[in-house]
Amino acid sequence: MDIIAQTVRKEGFFALYKGMASPLLGIAGVNSLLFAAYGVSKRIVSPYPQLSLPETSLAGAMAGAANTILASPVEMFKVRMQGQYGGAQDKRLSAVAREMWSQWGFRKGVMRGYWVTMAREIPAYAGFYTAYEFSKRKFASIYGSELPVWALLASGSTGGIAYWLSCYPLDVIKSRVQLRQTPPIGTPVQYIAHEAKTVLAESGLKGLFSGLTPSLIRSIPAAASTFAAFEITREYLAEFTGV
């Protein structure tokens, strides 16, 4: 609440939406890739439509790995926009994108943090889909296969909470890597380990969970609405197309 009050006082109400352009432009592609990758991953993992929860976890992890290709640049630009603090030198998204491209190129600029983003996405979506499917099946055992919308929302919320609980320290490290003035040095394992050691030295173990509460609060409506919209759209398309 203190951060909200300071942000509004210093930068105005719309500063709460800083960095929104990057996910707004990229989220349709990211989610499309994620759901498509999950569908393909399920067919790779098992020929049967109803996966066990461990199989669901594996398919979710595979989908998370595939999703990194779009999630990484979207996250990188979002984090760099949110890392600005209302000064005269603050840049628009287009200026940040040009700067990262001109100074560091595609791999070290636009795709900075790719491997740590993948390290985050794999456990995150393993946890996400496992919790989501577990909740859906529990509701289905009570209400049948035609779940009410509130049950889809609740299942999505459970998945969103599991997402962050499965990966949050890696998200902290990812954000630090993407906010660096210069690209990280060494192999992905080396720079991830270096950032983790730096966080532990500066803030202790709690530093790896800094910001977890607002992330969990955010995930409840975000994941709930995403998955409810997905399920409702899928049912409509199945009825409309017969596929």
Protein backbone atom coordinates (compact mmCIF):
# COMPACT_ATOMS: atom_id res chain seq x y z
CA MET A 1 0.00 0.00 0.00
CA ASP A 2 2.92 2.33 0.70
CA ILE A 3 4.33 1.67 -2.79
CA ILE A 4 0.90 2.35 -4.34
CA ALA A 5 0.57 5.62 -2.42
CA GLN A 6 4.08 6.79 -3.32
CA THR A 7 3.64 5.88 -6.99
CA VAL A 8 0.34 7.74 -7.32
CA ARG A 9 1.66 10.76 -5.41
CA LYS A 10 4.88 11.08 -7.41
CA GLU A 11 3.81 9.92 -10.87
CA GLY A 12 0.02 9.95 -10.98
CA PHE A 13 -2.59 7.19 -11.14
CA PHE A 14 -1.65 5.90 -14.58
CA ALA A 15 1.87 5.10 -13.38
CA LEU A 16 0.24 2.00 -11.85
CA TYR A 17 -0.10 0.78 -15.45
CA LYS A 18 3.53 1.43 -16.34
CA GLY A 19 4.92 -1.33 -18.53
CA MET A 20 1.46 -2.46 -19.64
CA ALA A 21 2.12 -1.91 -23.35
CA SER A 22 4.57 -4.81 -23.64
CA PRO A 23 2.28 -7.53 -22.22
CA LEU A 24 -0.76 -5.92 -23.87
CA LEU A 25 0.89 -6.22 -27.29
CA GLY A 26 2.37 -9.64 -26.63
CA ILE A 27 -0.06 -11.46 -24.35
CA ALA A 28 -2.32 -12.77 -27.14
CA GLY A 29 0.65 -14.41 -28.83
CA VAL A 30 2.09 -15.68 -25.55
CA ASN A 31 -1.18 -17.30 -24.44
CA SER A 32 -1.89 -18.69 -27.91
CA LEU A 33 1.52 -20.34 -27.96
CA LEU A 34 1.11 -21.58 -24.40
CA PHE A 35 -2.27 -23.25 -24.93
CA ALA A 36 -1.24 -24.69 -28.30
CA ALA A 37 2.01 -26.03 -26.83
CA TYR A 38 0.12 -27.56 -23.91
CA GLY A 39 -2.29 -29.31 -26.27
CA VAL A 40 0.60 -30.73 -28.32
CA SER A 41 2.52 -31.67 -25.17
CA LYS A 42 -0.44 -33.63 -23.82
CA ARG A 43 -0.57 -35.69 -27.01
CA ILE A 44 3.18 -36.33 -26.79
CA VAL A 45 3.00 -37.38 -23.15
CA SER A 46 0.03 -39.72 -23.51
CA PRO A 47 -2.26 -41.00 -26.30
CA TYR A 48 -5.20 -40.83 -23.88
CA PRO A 49 -7.19 -37.60 -23.43
CA GLN A 50 -7.33 -37.83 -19.62
CA LEU A 51 -3.80 -37.43 -18.28
CA SER A 52 -2.77 -38.34 -14.75
CA LEU A 53 -1.62 -35.43 -12.61
CA PRO A 54 2.10 -36.34 -13.01
CA GLU A 55 1.56 -36.49 -16.79
CA THR A 56 -0.24 -33.14 -16.62
CA SER A 57 2.73 -31.70 -14.76
CA LEU A 58 5.13 -32.94 -17.45
CA ALA A 59 2.97 -31.56 -20.26
CA GLY A 60 2.76 -28.21 -18.43
CA ALA A 61 6.54 -28.10 -18.06
CA MET A 62 6.97 -28.79 -21.78
CA ALA A 63 4.48 -26.05 -22.64
CA GLY A 64 6.31 -23.62 -20.35
CA ALA A 65 9.61 -24.34 -22.10
CA ALA A 66 8.02 -23.70 -25.52
CA ASN A 67 6.31 -20.56 -24.24
CA THR A 68 9.65 -18.96 -23.34
CA ILE A 69 10.33 -17.90 -26.92
CA LEU A 70 7.63 -15.20 -26.66
CA ALA A 71 7.45 -14.76 -22.89
CA SER A 72 11.11 -13.75 -22.59
CA PRO A 73 11.04 -10.51 -24.66
CA VAL A 74 7.60 -9.55 -23.32
CA GLU A 75 8.87 -9.92 -19.74
CA MET A 76 12.13 -8.15 -20.49
CA PHE A 77 10.47 -5.00 -21.85
CA LYS A 78 7.81 -5.02 -19.12
CA VAL A 79 10.43 -5.26 -16.37
CA ARG A 80 12.57 -2.47 -17.85
CA MET A 81 9.57 -0.19 -18.19
CA GLN A 82 8.50 -0.87 -14.60
CA GLY A 83 12.08 -0.28 -13.41
CA GLN A 84 11.78 3.43 -14.28
CA TYR A 85 10.87 5.68 -11.39
CA GLY A 86 9.10 8.73 -12.77
CA GLY A 87 12.16 10.78 -13.63
CA ALA A 88 12.63 13.10 -16.57
CA GLN A 89 14.81 10.45 -18.22
CA ASP A 90 12.03 7.84 -18.32
CA LYS A 91 11.64 6.31 -21.78
CA ARG A 92 8.71 5.04 -23.81
CA LEU A 93 8.55 1.39 -24.78
CA SER A 94 9.67 2.16 -28.35
CA ALA A 95 12.76 3.99 -27.03
CA VAL A 96 13.60 1.12 -24.65
CA ALA A 97 13.26 -1.39 -27.50
CA ARG A 98 15.50 0.67 -29.82
CA GLU A 99 18.08 1.12 -27.09
CA MET A 100 18.26 -2.57 -26.22
CA TRP A 101 18.49 -3.53 -29.90
CA SER A 102 21.11 -0.92 -30.85
CA GLN A 103 23.33 -1.46 -27.81
CA TRP A 104 23.12 -5.21 -27.33
CA GLY A 105 21.43 -6.74 -30.34
CA PHE A 106 18.83 -9.51 -30.37
CA ARG A 107 20.34 -12.17 -28.09
CA LYS A 108 21.81 -9.95 -25.34
CA GLY A 109 19.25 -7.19 -25.69
CA VAL A 110 15.77 -8.19 -26.81
CA MET A 111 16.11 -11.77 -25.55
CA ARG A 112 18.07 -10.98 -22.40
CA GLY A 113 17.18 -13.39 -19.63
CA TYR A 114 15.93 -16.07 -22.02
CA TRP A 115 17.41 -19.02 -20.13
CA VAL A 116 16.40 -17.84 -16.68
CA THR A 117 12.91 -17.14 -18.06
CA MET A 118 12.81 -20.74 -19.29
CA ALA A 119 14.05 -21.92 -15.89
CA ARG A 120 11.09 -20.05 -14.40
CA GLU A 121 8.47 -21.15 -16.94
CA ILE A 122 9.13 -24.89 -16.65
CA PRO A 123 8.27 -25.33 -12.93
CA ALA A 124 5.73 -22.49 -13.10
CA TYR A 125 3.52 -24.12 -15.71
CA ALA A 126 4.06 -27.59 -14.30
CA GLY A 127 2.55 -26.27 -11.07
CA PHE A 128 -0.01 -24.16 -12.88
CA TYR A 129 -1.59 -26.89 -14.98
CA THR A 130 -1.38 -29.51 -12.23
CA ALA A 131 -3.23 -27.30 -9.74
CA TYR A 132 -5.72 -26.19 -12.38
CA GLU A 133 -6.55 -29.74 -13.49
CA PHE A 134 -6.70 -30.98 -9.90
CA SER A 135 -9.21 -28.27 -9.00
CA LYS A 136 -11.29 -28.84 -12.13
CA ARG A 137 -11.50 -32.57 -11.43
CA LYS A 138 -12.55 -31.98 -7.85
CA PHE A 139 -15.32 -29.66 -9.00
CA ALA A 140 -16.30 -32.10 -11.78
CA SER A 141 -16.72 -34.88 -9.21
CA ILE A 142 -19.36 -32.69 -7.55
CA TYR A 143 -21.01 -30.82 -10.42
CA GLY A 144 -20.32 -33.06 -13.42
CA SER A 145 -18.45 -32.24 -16.61
CA GLU A 146 -20.41 -29.03 -17.27
CA LEU A 147 -18.75 -26.82 -14.68
CA PRO A 148 -20.30 -23.50 -13.65
CA VAL A 149 -18.27 -20.41 -14.53
CA TRP A 150 -17.40 -19.76 -10.90
CA ALA A 151 -15.76 -23.22 -10.70
CA LEU A 152 -13.63 -22.40 -13.76
CA LEU A 153 -12.67 -19.09 -12.16
CA ALA A 154 -11.78 -20.83 -8.90
CA SER A 155 -9.72 -23.46 -10.73
CA GLY A 156 -7.86 -20.78 -12.67
CA SER A 157 -7.14 -18.90 -9.45
CA THR A 158 -5.72 -22.07 -7.88
CA GLY A 159 -3.50 -22.54 -10.91
CA GLY A 160 -2.31 -18.93 -10.75
CA ILE A 161 -1.34 -19.26 -7.09
CA ALA A 162 0.50 -22.52 -7.80
CA TYR A 163 2.31 -20.80 -10.69
CA TRP A 164 4.01 -18.27 -8.42
CA LEU A 165 4.62 -20.66 -5.53
CA SER A 166 6.42 -22.99 -7.96
CA CYS A 167 8.83 -20.44 -9.40
CA TYR A 168 9.01 -17.18 -7.47
CA PRO A 169 12.74 -17.13 -6.55
CA LEU A 170 13.54 -17.68 -10.23
CA ASP A 171 11.26 -14.77 -11.13
CA VAL A 172 13.21 -12.49 -8.77
CA ILE A 173 16.46 -13.58 -10.39
CA LYS A 174 14.99 -13.15 -13.89
CA SER A 175 13.94 -9.58 -13.14
CA ARG A 176 17.39 -8.71 -11.78
CA VAL A 177 19.05 -10.14 -14.88
CA GLN A 178 16.73 -8.21 -17.19
CA LEU A 179 17.18 -4.95 -15.26
CA ARG A 180 20.97 -5.04 -15.41
CA GLN A 181 22.66 -2.22 -17.28
CA THR A 182 24.89 -4.76 -19.02
CA PRO A 183 24.18 -8.35 -20.09
CA PRO A 184 25.06 -11.11 -17.59
CA ILE A 185 28.44 -12.79 -17.93
CA GLY A 186 29.07 -16.52 -18.09
CA THR A 187 26.84 -19.49 -18.75
CA PRO A 188 23.17 -19.38 -17.69
CA VAL A 189 23.92 -21.61 -14.71
CA GLN A 190 26.77 -19.32 -13.65
CA TYR A 191 24.88 -16.04 -13.87
CA ILE A 192 21.73 -17.46 -12.28
CA ALA A 193 23.84 -18.78 -9.38
CA HIS A 194 25.65 -15.43 -9.15
CA GLU A 195 22.40 -13.47 -8.92
CA ALA A 196 21.01 -15.90 -6.33
CA LYS A 197 24.14 -15.50 -4.19
CA THR A 198 23.94 -11.70 -4.55
CA VAL A 199 20.30 -11.63 -3.41
CA LEU A 200 21.08 -13.89 -0.44
CA ALA A 201 24.06 -11.70 0.54
CA GLU A 202 22.01 -8.48 0.28
CA SER A 203 18.67 -9.54 1.75
CA GLY A 204 18.91 -13.10 2.97
CA LEU A 205 16.43 -15.81 2.02
CA LYS A 206 13.48 -13.39 2.18
CA GLY A 207 15.03 -11.48 -0.73
CA LEU A 208 14.21 -14.37 -3.05
CA PHE A 209 10.53 -13.94 -2.15
CA SER A 210 10.37 -10.14 -2.28
CA GLY A 211 7.10 -9.09 -3.91
CA LEU A 212 5.47 -12.52 -3.62
CA THR A 213 2.28 -11.20 -1.99
CA PRO A 214 1.33 -8.73 -4.76
CA SER A 215 2.17 -11.38 -7.35
CA LEU A 216 -0.20 -13.83 -5.67
CA ILE A 217 -2.90 -11.15 -5.43
CA ARG A 218 -2.43 -10.37 -9.12
CA SER A 219 -2.52 -14.01 -10.15
CA ILE A 220 -5.97 -14.69 -8.70
CA PRO A 221 -8.07 -12.52 -11.09
CA ALA A 222 -5.58 -12.83 -13.97
CA ALA A 223 -5.41 -16.62 -14.09
CA ALA A 224 -9.08 -17.00 -13.20
CA SER A 225 -10.24 -14.84 -16.11
CA THR A 226 -7.72 -16.31 -18.57
CA PHE A 227 -8.71 -19.90 -18.00
CA ALA A 228 -12.42 -19.25 -17.73
CA ALA A 229 -12.25 -17.37 -21.04
CA PHE A 230 -10.23 -20.21 -22.58
CA GLU A 231 -12.66 -22.92 -21.48
CA ILE A 232 -15.75 -20.96 -22.53
CA THR A 233 -14.20 -20.08 -25.91
CA ARG A 234 -13.15 -23.68 -26.49
CA GLU A 235 -16.65 -24.96 -25.73
CA TYR A 236 -18.16 -22.38 -28.07
CA LEU A 237 -15.76 -23.25 -30.88
CA ALA A 238 -16.37 -26.98 -30.39
CA GLU A 239 -20.11 -26.41 -30.67
CA PHE A 240 -19.76 -23.99 -33.58
CA THR A 241 -17.28 -26.02 -35.64
CA GLY A 242 -18.17 -29.52 -34.49
CA VAL A 243 -14.47 -30.27 -33.91
